Amino acid sequence: MTTFRALRHPAFRTYWTGMLVSLVGTWMQSTAQSYLVYELTGSALKTGVVLFAFSLPSLLFALPGGAVADRYDRRRLLLVAQSAFMVAAAALAALTFAGLVRFEHVVAFAFWNGLVMAVDNPTRQALVPALVDREDLANAVALNSAAFNASRVLGPALAGLVYRAAGPAWCFLANAVSYLAVIVPMWGVRVPGQAGGHREEGILRQAADGVCYVRARPLLAMLLSLLAAVGTFGFGWMVVMPAFAVRVLGGGPAENGLLFTAVGVGATLGALWVASARDLRPGRVVALAAGSGVGLVAFSRTGHLWSSCAAMAVTGFLLIAYMSSTNAAIQSVVDDRYRGRVMSLYTLALIGSGPAGSLFAGWLADAAGVRASMAVNGALVVASAAAVWWRAPELRFGRGEESQVRGAKPAAAELPADGD
């Protein structure tokens, strides 16, 4: 049971189970929303515009959001953010039930959720270490990723079935209700005090200090650079998937949901593999990133539902194994005073890179076809991994990786850096 050892901590177990339920609802809404936009507009590019609207606030406000997470009580911030998500989902459900929903409404709600996410994501990432012992931190990070991706297994499949049987409004309502699984139990959880930043410092100054903290640690900076490239080119399938289900597979919402579910199966296995692993060095992380790009190229060549699902399952495994390993490596060495700001850079690299990537993938799918869009994006992921591998010699050799990261920060903040 070492794979799930962090669940022995009651506070983390409460948080983790609540997030698992909530994320099923989130994936139901995300899957239904993308297909609703495609139905309303018939354009993969406009599906990309919705993802652009969601990602843009993370590009603009991720760093201040991380400073807020270091400045205020993270449990309370979590409750406020989850409540804001719940209200938005309920409002979107009401508009859809009334038959009034339009493309512009979906874009507006996506932008609002992106604003909330700019605070919510670094808050959640920084809260996890306070819920477990130091020796279980890397495992907790991997299990957090496993919960996110396990929800992909059920959420998209449920969305496809519910959408076909009753329409998208019920998917949005289910998401609104699911947030209560986090809000209600976490209301009574007590979290140890965090080593927050000085309140007399401005938020922008604190955000700038977080950037300087990372710049002083070259390996961290290089890992975040690769994460930005993967965030830009490695998730174009989220935009193109509805068009792929219709144009290539000749299917509809059920096939779209199955493709997302396949990603979730592979991603969950990838996260659990990271939780069980003992030696995931940065060089192997780069190899996982390159492998995910190869998976996207393979997906672009499929033409049948089950071969497409298999390709996306492998791609999901490699993508999430890569992301979980990167997250765990960063969390294991960062000073808690900077944790929110560093994880906001993680958010900025991963989600903030989405606006350009989503528009590029959608534009290319409409201009050259969905197969070409996936193939080009996969090739760019491989090229990015190769560039990082070439520019960072420490990633090509096993020795000295851990010492380089640790040596640039106070010893008191060090945490075990062996794999999770």
Protein backbone atom coordinates (compact mmCIF):
# COMPACT_ATOMS: atom_id res chain seq x y z
CA MET A 1 0.00 0.00 0.00
CA THR A 2 2.99 2.35 -0.28
CA THR A 3 1.35 3.76 -3.41
CA PHE A 4 -1.43 5.22 -1.21
CA ARG A 5 0.55 5.86 1.97
CA ALA A 6 -0.32 9.60 2.14
CA LEU A 7 -3.99 8.69 2.69
CA ARG A 8 -3.15 7.64 6.24
CA HIS A 9 -3.29 11.34 7.16
CA PRO A 10 -6.94 12.24 7.97
CA ALA A 11 -6.75 15.84 6.71
CA PHE A 12 -5.26 14.81 3.38
CA ARG A 13 -7.72 11.91 3.07
CA THR A 14 -10.64 14.32 3.56
CA TYR A 15 -9.22 16.74 1.01
CA TRP A 16 -8.35 14.03 -1.51
CA THR A 17 -11.70 12.25 -1.49
CA GLY A 18 -13.58 15.54 -1.76
CA MET A 19 -11.46 16.67 -4.70
CA LEU A 20 -11.95 13.31 -6.43
CA VAL A 21 -15.74 13.74 -6.34
CA SER A 22 -15.55 17.40 -7.34
CA LEU A 23 -13.23 16.72 -10.25
CA VAL A 24 -15.61 14.14 -11.71
CA GLY A 25 -18.12 17.00 -11.96
CA THR A 26 -15.47 19.31 -13.41
CA TRP A 27 -14.66 16.84 -16.20
CA MET A 28 -18.36 16.34 -16.88
CA GLN A 29 -18.74 20.08 -17.43
CA SER A 30 -15.53 20.40 -19.44
CA THR A 31 -16.47 17.56 -21.79
CA ALA A 32 -20.07 18.69 -22.22
CA GLN A 33 -19.01 22.31 -22.66
CA SER A 34 -16.56 21.56 -25.47
CA TYR A 35 -19.13 19.52 -27.36
CA LEU A 36 -21.86 22.15 -26.76
CA VAL A 37 -19.63 24.82 -28.28
CA TYR A 38 -18.91 22.61 -31.28
CA GLU A 39 -22.67 22.02 -31.71
CA LEU A 40 -23.41 25.73 -31.44
CA THR A 41 -20.66 26.87 -33.82
CA GLY A 42 -19.37 23.89 -35.82
CA SER A 43 -15.85 25.28 -35.41
CA ALA A 44 -12.81 23.71 -33.74
CA LEU A 45 -11.29 27.19 -33.62
CA LYS A 46 -14.15 28.50 -31.47
CA THR A 47 -13.75 25.52 -29.19
CA GLY A 48 -10.17 26.72 -28.85
CA VAL A 49 -11.41 30.24 -28.06
CA VAL A 50 -13.19 28.87 -24.97
CA LEU A 51 -9.99 27.25 -23.75
CA PHE A 52 -8.17 30.48 -24.57
CA ALA A 53 -10.64 32.43 -22.41
CA PHE A 54 -10.07 29.99 -19.54
CA SER A 55 -6.29 29.99 -19.87
CA LEU A 56 -5.74 33.73 -20.38
CA PRO A 57 -6.31 34.75 -16.71
CA SER A 58 -3.69 32.23 -15.63
CA LEU A 59 -1.27 33.90 -18.03
CA LEU A 60 -2.10 37.34 -16.60
CA PHE A 61 -2.75 36.66 -12.92
CA ALA A 62 -0.99 33.41 -11.95
CA LEU A 63 1.93 35.17 -10.25
CA PRO A 64 -0.27 37.50 -8.13
CA GLY A 65 -2.45 34.47 -7.38
CA GLY A 66 0.56 32.61 -6.03
CA ALA A 67 1.48 35.60 -3.86
CA VAL A 68 -2.08 35.58 -2.47
CA ALA A 69 -1.67 31.86 -1.65
CA ASP A 70 1.51 32.66 0.31
CA ARG A 71 -0.08 35.66 2.01
CA TYR A 72 -3.41 34.34 3.35
CA ASP A 73 -4.84 31.21 4.93
CA ARG A 74 -4.84 28.58 2.19
CA ARG A 75 -7.78 26.55 3.55
CA ARG A 76 -10.04 29.59 3.52
CA LEU A 77 -8.86 30.56 0.06
CA LEU A 78 -9.72 27.04 -1.11
CA LEU A 79 -13.26 27.34 0.27
CA VAL A 80 -13.80 30.74 -1.37
CA ALA A 81 -12.48 29.54 -4.74
CA GLN A 82 -14.53 26.34 -4.75
CA SER A 83 -17.65 28.34 -3.87
CA ALA A 84 -16.98 30.69 -6.78
CA PHE A 85 -16.69 27.73 -9.16
CA MET A 86 -19.95 26.32 -7.81
CA VAL A 87 -21.88 29.55 -8.42
CA ALA A 88 -20.58 29.81 -12.00
CA ALA A 89 -21.52 26.19 -12.81
CA ALA A 90 -25.01 26.69 -11.39
CA ALA A 91 -25.49 29.87 -13.45
CA LEU A 92 -24.37 28.13 -16.66
CA ALA A 93 -26.75 25.25 -15.91
CA ALA A 94 -29.64 27.69 -15.39
CA LEU A 95 -28.98 29.42 -18.74
CA THR A 96 -28.78 26.08 -20.53
CA PHE A 97 -31.96 24.74 -18.92
CA ALA A 98 -33.74 27.92 -20.04
CA GLY A 99 -32.49 27.46 -23.61
CA LEU A 100 -30.75 30.84 -23.55
CA VAL A 101 -27.11 29.74 -23.58
CA ARG A 102 -24.94 31.16 -26.36
CA PHE A 103 -21.30 30.87 -27.34
CA GLU A 104 -20.57 34.24 -25.73
CA HIS A 105 -21.95 33.01 -22.39
CA VAL A 106 -19.68 29.97 -22.42
CA VAL A 107 -16.67 32.19 -23.15
CA ALA A 108 -17.60 34.56 -20.30
CA PHE A 109 -17.95 31.73 -17.78
CA ALA A 110 -14.68 30.20 -18.98
CA PHE A 111 -12.93 33.52 -18.37
CA TRP A 112 -14.46 33.79 -14.88
CA ASN A 113 -13.35 30.26 -14.02
CA GLY A 114 -9.87 31.12 -15.28
CA LEU A 115 -9.72 34.10 -12.93
CA VAL A 116 -10.67 31.90 -9.99
CA MET A 117 -8.23 29.21 -11.11
CA ALA A 118 -5.37 31.73 -10.96
CA VAL A 119 -5.78 31.66 -7.17
CA ASP A 120 -7.28 28.20 -6.69
CA ASN A 121 -4.56 26.17 -8.40
CA PRO A 122 -1.50 27.52 -6.54
CA THR A 123 -3.55 27.45 -3.33
CA ARG A 124 -4.38 23.75 -3.74
CA GLN A 125 -0.84 22.87 -4.80
CA ALA A 126 0.63 24.73 -1.81
CA LEU A 127 -1.94 23.35 0.66
CA VAL A 128 -1.06 19.69 0.10
CA PRO A 129 2.30 19.75 1.98
CA ALA A 130 0.51 21.03 5.11
CA LEU A 131 -1.80 18.00 5.12
CA VAL A 132 0.89 15.27 5.27
CA ASP A 133 4.23 14.53 6.91
CA ARG A 134 7.40 15.51 5.10
CA GLU A 135 8.25 11.95 4.11
CA ASP A 136 4.87 11.51 2.40
CA LEU A 137 4.92 14.77 0.44
CA ALA A 138 6.01 13.34 -2.92
CA ASN A 139 3.45 10.55 -2.63
CA ALA A 140 0.71 13.07 -1.77
CA VAL A 141 1.60 15.16 -4.83
CA ALA A 142 1.35 12.09 -7.06
CA LEU A 143 -1.95 11.00 -5.47
CA ASN A 144 -3.28 14.51 -5.99
CA SER A 145 -2.50 14.10 -9.67
CA ALA A 146 -4.03 10.61 -9.62
CA ALA A 147 -7.30 12.03 -8.27
CA PHE A 148 -7.34 14.65 -11.00
CA ASN A 149 -6.83 12.04 -13.68
CA ALA A 150 -8.94 9.25 -12.18
CA SER A 151 -11.84 11.67 -12.45
CA ARG A 152 -11.23 11.69 -16.23
CA VAL A 153 -12.16 8.02 -16.34
CA LEU A 154 -15.69 8.57 -15.02
CA GLY A 155 -16.39 12.24 -15.75
CA PRO A 156 -16.17 12.32 -19.56
CA ALA A 157 -17.95 8.98 -19.94
CA LEU A 158 -20.78 10.20 -17.70
CA ALA A 159 -20.88 13.45 -19.61
CA GLY A 160 -21.27 11.64 -22.92
CA LEU A 161 -24.13 9.50 -21.59
CA VAL A 162 -25.90 12.33 -19.78
CA TYR A 163 -25.46 14.72 -22.70
CA ARG A 164 -27.01 12.25 -25.13
CA ALA A 165 -29.85 11.28 -22.76
CA ALA A 166 -30.77 14.63 -21.15
CA GLY A 167 -28.60 17.43 -22.56
CA PRO A 168 -25.61 19.48 -21.36
CA ALA A 169 -27.49 21.40 -18.64
CA TRP A 170 -27.55 18.32 -16.39
CA CYS A 171 -23.78 17.97 -16.75
CA PHE A 172 -23.32 21.57 -15.60
CA LEU A 173 -25.71 21.06 -12.67
CA ALA A 174 -23.88 17.90 -11.59
CA ASN A 175 -20.65 19.90 -11.54
CA ALA A 176 -22.20 22.61 -9.36
CA VAL A 177 -23.38 20.03 -6.81
CA SER A 178 -20.02 18.22 -6.81
CA TYR A 179 -18.20 21.21 -5.29
CA LEU A 180 -20.04 20.55 -2.03
CA ALA A 181 -17.88 17.42 -1.63
CA VAL A 182 -14.92 19.75 -1.00
CA ILE A 183 -16.60 22.72 0.65
CA VAL A 184 -18.55 20.87 3.35
CA PRO A 185 -15.86 18.51 4.76
CA MET A 186 -12.97 20.98 4.40
CA TRP A 187 -14.94 23.54 6.41
CA GLY A 188 -14.11 21.61 9.58
CA VAL A 189 -10.50 20.66 8.76
CA ARG A 190 -7.81 22.47 10.71
CA VAL A 191 -4.54 23.06 8.86
CA PRO A 192 -1.25 24.01 10.58
CA GLY A 193 -0.20 27.62 10.09
CA GLN A 194 1.79 28.42 6.97
CA ALA A 195 4.99 30.41 6.74
CA GLY A 196 3.41 33.22 4.77
CA GLY A 197 5.02 36.30 3.29
CA HIS A 198 5.19 39.64 5.01
CA ARG A 199 1.88 41.47 4.79
CA GLU A 200 3.65 44.82 4.54
CA GLU A 201 5.13 43.78 1.18
CA GLY A 202 3.01 44.40 -1.89
CA ILE A 203 1.63 41.42 -3.78
CA LEU A 204 3.51 42.36 -6.94
CA ARG A 205 6.77 42.61 -4.99
CA GLN A 206 6.16 39.18 -3.50
CA ALA A 207 5.40 37.80 -6.96
CA ALA A 208 8.67 39.26 -8.30
CA ASP A 209 10.57 37.65 -5.40
CA GLY A 210 9.13 34.28 -6.46
CA VAL A 211 10.47 34.74 -9.98
CA CYS A 212 13.92 35.60 -8.62
CA TYR A 213 13.78 32.52 -6.40
CA VAL A 214 13.30 30.26 -9.42
CA ARG A 215 15.81 32.10 -11.62
CA ALA A 216 18.49 31.39 -9.01
CA ARG A 217 17.88 27.66 -9.46
CA PRO A 218 18.71 26.75 -13.10
CA LEU A 219 17.35 23.21 -13.00
CA LEU A 220 13.99 24.41 -11.69
CA ALA A 221 13.89 27.08 -14.39
CA MET A 222 14.66 24.52 -17.10
CA LEU A 223 11.99 22.11 -15.86
CA LEU A 224 9.42 24.92 -15.86
CA SER A 225 10.48 25.92 -19.39
CA LEU A 226 9.83 22.41 -20.66
CA LEU A 227 6.50 22.37 -18.82
CA ALA A 228 5.50 25.55 -20.68
CA ALA A 229 6.31 23.90 -24.01
CA VAL A 230 4.30 20.80 -23.13
CA GLY A 231 1.44 23.01 -21.93
CA THR A 232 1.47 24.85 -25.25
CA PHE A 233 1.69 21.91 -27.67
CA GLY A 234 0.89 18.81 -25.64
CA PHE A 235 -2.76 19.57 -24.88
CA GLY A 236 -4.04 20.59 -28.28
CA TRP A 237 -6.06 17.37 -28.31
CA MET A 238 -8.44 18.92 -25.78
CA VAL A 239 -9.47 21.48 -28.40
CA VAL A 240 -9.45 19.15 -31.37
CA MET A 241 -11.08 16.11 -29.75
CA PRO A 242 -14.75 16.96 -30.59
CA ALA A 243 -13.79 17.64 -34.22
CA PHE A 244 -11.75 14.42 -34.32
CA ALA A 245 -14.72 12.42 -32.99
CA VAL A 246 -17.01 13.87 -35.68
CA ARG A 247 -14.75 14.34 -38.73
CA VAL A 248 -12.42 11.36 -38.42
CA LEU A 249 -14.40 8.78 -36.43
CA GLY A 250 -17.85 9.77 -37.69
CA GLY A 251 -19.18 9.77 -34.11
CA GLY A 252 -20.78 12.16 -31.66
CA PRO A 253 -20.80 13.04 -27.93
CA ALA A 254 -20.52 9.40 -26.80
CA GLU A 255 -17.36 8.83 -28.87
CA ASN A 256 -15.99 12.16 -27.69
CA GLY A 257 -16.56 11.08 -24.09
CA LEU A 258 -14.87 7.72 -24.66
CA LEU A 259 -11.77 9.40 -26.05
CA PHE A 260 -11.53 11.62 -22.99
CA THR A 261 -12.11 8.58 -20.78
CA ALA A 262 -9.25 6.76 -22.49
CA VAL A 263 -6.99 9.67 -21.65
CA GLY A 264 -8.19 9.44 -18.05
CA VAL A 265 -7.43 5.72 -17.79
CA GLY A 266 -3.90 6.20 -19.06
CA ALA A 267 -3.37 9.33 -16.97
CA THR A 268 -4.52 7.62 -13.77
CA LEU A 269 -2.15 4.73 -14.35
CA GLY A 270 0.63 7.21 -15.07
CA ALA A 271 0.03 9.10 -11.82
CA LEU A 272 -0.12 5.87 -9.78
CA TRP A 273 3.09 4.71 -11.43
CA VAL A 274 4.78 7.91 -10.27
CA ALA A 275 3.34 7.42 -6.77
CA SER A 276 4.91 3.95 -6.65
CA ALA A 277 8.26 4.83 -8.26
CA ARG A 278 11.41 5.42 -6.27
CA ASP A 279 13.81 6.97 -8.76
CA LEU A 280 12.45 9.49 -11.25
CA ARG A 281 15.29 11.84 -12.05
CA PRO A 282 14.87 14.96 -14.21
CA GLY A 283 16.48 13.28 -17.23
CA ARG A 284 13.78 10.62 -17.22
CA VAL A 285 11.17 13.34 -16.87
CA VAL A 286 12.35 14.79 -20.19
CA ALA A 287 12.09 11.36 -21.80
CA LEU A 288 8.47 11.09 -20.62
CA ALA A 289 7.69 14.46 -22.20
CA ALA A 290 9.18 13.35 -25.52
CA GLY A 291 7.23 10.10 -25.36
CA SER A 292 3.95 11.99 -24.95
CA GLY A 293 4.71 13.88 -28.17
CA VAL A 294 5.27 10.61 -30.00
CA GLY A 295 1.92 9.41 -28.63
CA LEU A 296 0.15 12.42 -30.14
CA VAL A 297 1.72 11.74 -33.53
CA ALA A 298 0.55 8.12 -33.30
CA PHE A 299 -2.96 9.29 -32.37
CA SER A 300 -3.07 11.48 -35.47
CA ARG A 301 -2.65 8.38 -37.66
CA THR A 302 -5.53 6.38 -36.15
CA GLY A 303 -8.91 6.09 -37.84
CA HIS A 304 -10.96 3.73 -35.67
CA LEU A 305 -12.46 4.38 -32.23
CA TRP A 306 -10.59 1.72 -30.28
CA SER A 307 -7.20 2.38 -31.85
CA SER A 308 -7.74 6.09 -31.16
CA CYS A 309 -8.63 5.30 -27.55
CA ALA A 310 -5.53 3.14 -27.18
CA ALA A 311 -3.26 5.86 -28.56
CA MET A 312 -4.78 8.48 -26.27
CA ALA A 313 -4.50 6.16 -23.25
CA VAL A 314 -0.75 5.80 -23.87
CA THR A 315 -0.43 9.55 -24.44
CA GLY A 316 -2.35 10.25 -21.24
CA PHE A 317 -0.07 7.89 -19.29
CA LEU A 318 3.08 9.62 -20.52
CA LEU A 319 1.72 13.17 -20.17
CA ILE A 320 0.61 12.73 -16.58
CA ALA A 321 3.64 10.70 -15.55
CA TYR A 322 5.70 13.60 -16.87
CA MET A 323 3.60 16.28 -15.14
CA SER A 324 3.40 14.41 -11.81
CA SER A 325 7.13 13.84 -11.79
CA THR A 326 7.81 17.51 -12.52
CA ASN A 327 5.38 18.64 -9.82
CA ALA A 328 6.82 16.27 -7.23
CA ALA A 329 10.40 17.29 -8.02
CA ILE A 330 9.56 20.96 -7.61
CA GLN A 331 7.46 20.51 -4.46
CA SER A 332 10.18 18.43 -2.81
CA VAL A 333 12.80 21.17 -2.88
CA VAL A 334 10.93 24.46 -2.58
CA ASP A 335 10.92 26.57 0.60
CA ASP A 336 7.40 26.73 2.05
CA ARG A 337 7.58 30.54 2.17
CA TYR A 338 7.77 30.52 -1.63
CA ARG A 339 5.61 27.47 -2.28
CA GLY A 340 2.52 29.34 -3.49
CA ARG A 341 4.55 31.57 -5.80
CA VAL A 342 6.60 28.72 -7.24
CA MET A 343 3.46 26.68 -7.83
CA SER A 344 1.91 29.73 -9.48
CA LEU A 345 4.83 29.57 -11.93
CA TYR A 346 3.96 25.90 -12.40
CA THR A 347 0.38 27.01 -13.16
CA LEU A 348 1.62 29.76 -15.44
CA ALA A 349 3.82 27.33 -17.35
CA LEU A 350 1.13 24.67 -17.68
CA ILE A 351 -2.18 26.54 -17.95
CA GLY A 352 -0.95 30.00 -18.90
CA SER A 353 0.68 28.54 -21.98
CA GLY A 354 -2.73 27.29 -23.10
CA PRO A 355 -4.08 30.42 -24.86
CA ALA A 356 -1.57 30.33 -27.70
CA GLY A 357 -1.59 26.55 -27.86
CA SER A 358 -5.38 26.22 -27.98
CA LEU A 359 -5.75 28.83 -30.70
CA PHE A 360 -2.91 27.27 -32.70
CA ALA A 361 -4.37 23.75 -32.46
CA GLY A 362 -7.88 24.93 -33.36
CA TRP A 363 -6.68 27.10 -36.25
CA LEU A 364 -4.53 24.31 -37.66
CA ALA A 365 -7.40 21.79 -37.36
CA ASP A 366 -9.70 24.06 -39.38
CA ALA A 367 -7.00 25.01 -41.89
CA ALA A 368 -5.17 21.71 -42.46
CA GLY A 369 -7.31 19.06 -40.73
CA VAL A 370 -7.46 17.51 -37.29
CA ARG A 371 -4.86 14.85 -38.13
CA ALA A 372 -2.32 17.49 -39.18
CA SER A 373 -3.02 19.51 -36.03
CA MET A 374 -2.28 16.55 -33.75
CA ALA A 375 0.80 15.47 -35.71
CA VAL A 376 2.36 18.95 -35.72
CA ASN A 377 1.68 19.53 -32.03
CA GLY A 378 3.15 16.14 -31.12
CA ALA A 379 6.26 16.82 -33.16
CA LEU A 380 6.71 20.19 -31.44
CA VAL A 381 6.56 18.49 -28.01
CA VAL A 382 9.32 16.09 -29.08
CA ALA A 383 11.41 18.98 -30.46
CA SER A 384 10.98 20.95 -27.21
CA ALA A 385 12.10 18.01 -25.09
CA ALA A 386 15.11 17.48 -27.33
CA ALA A 387 16.05 21.16 -27.07
CA VAL A 388 15.90 21.10 -23.26
CA TRP A 389 17.88 17.86 -23.20
CA TRP A 390 20.57 19.45 -25.36
CA ARG A 391 20.73 22.79 -23.50
CA ALA A 392 20.83 21.32 -19.98
CA PRO A 393 23.75 18.88 -19.61
CA GLU A 394 22.69 18.07 -16.04
CA LEU A 395 19.59 16.39 -17.49
CA ARG A 396 21.72 14.04 -19.58
CA PHE A 397 23.72 12.74 -16.63
CA GLY A 398 22.37 11.31 -13.40
CA ARG A 399 24.99 12.80 -11.10
CA GLY A 400 24.63 16.16 -9.45
CA GLU A 401 20.97 16.75 -10.32
CA GLU A 402 19.71 16.70 -6.77
CA SER A 403 22.63 18.70 -5.38
CA GLN A 404 22.21 21.44 -7.98
CA VAL A 405 18.62 22.05 -6.94
CA ARG A 406 19.22 21.76 -3.24
CA GLY A 407 22.40 23.76 -3.18
CA ALA A 408 20.61 26.92 -4.29
CA LYS A 409 18.23 27.14 -1.35
CA PRO A 410 18.33 27.21 2.46
CA ALA A 411 19.08 23.81 3.95
CA ALA A 412 16.19 24.14 6.39
CA ALA A 413 13.73 23.99 3.52
CA GLU A 414 15.11 20.79 2.04
CA LEU A 415 12.82 17.83 1.61
CA PRO A 416 13.59 14.34 0.30
CA ALA A 417 14.03 14.48 -3.47
CA ASP A 418 13.95 10.76 -4.25
CA GLY A 419 11.23 9.76 -6.67
CA ASP A 420 7.58 9.19 -5.87
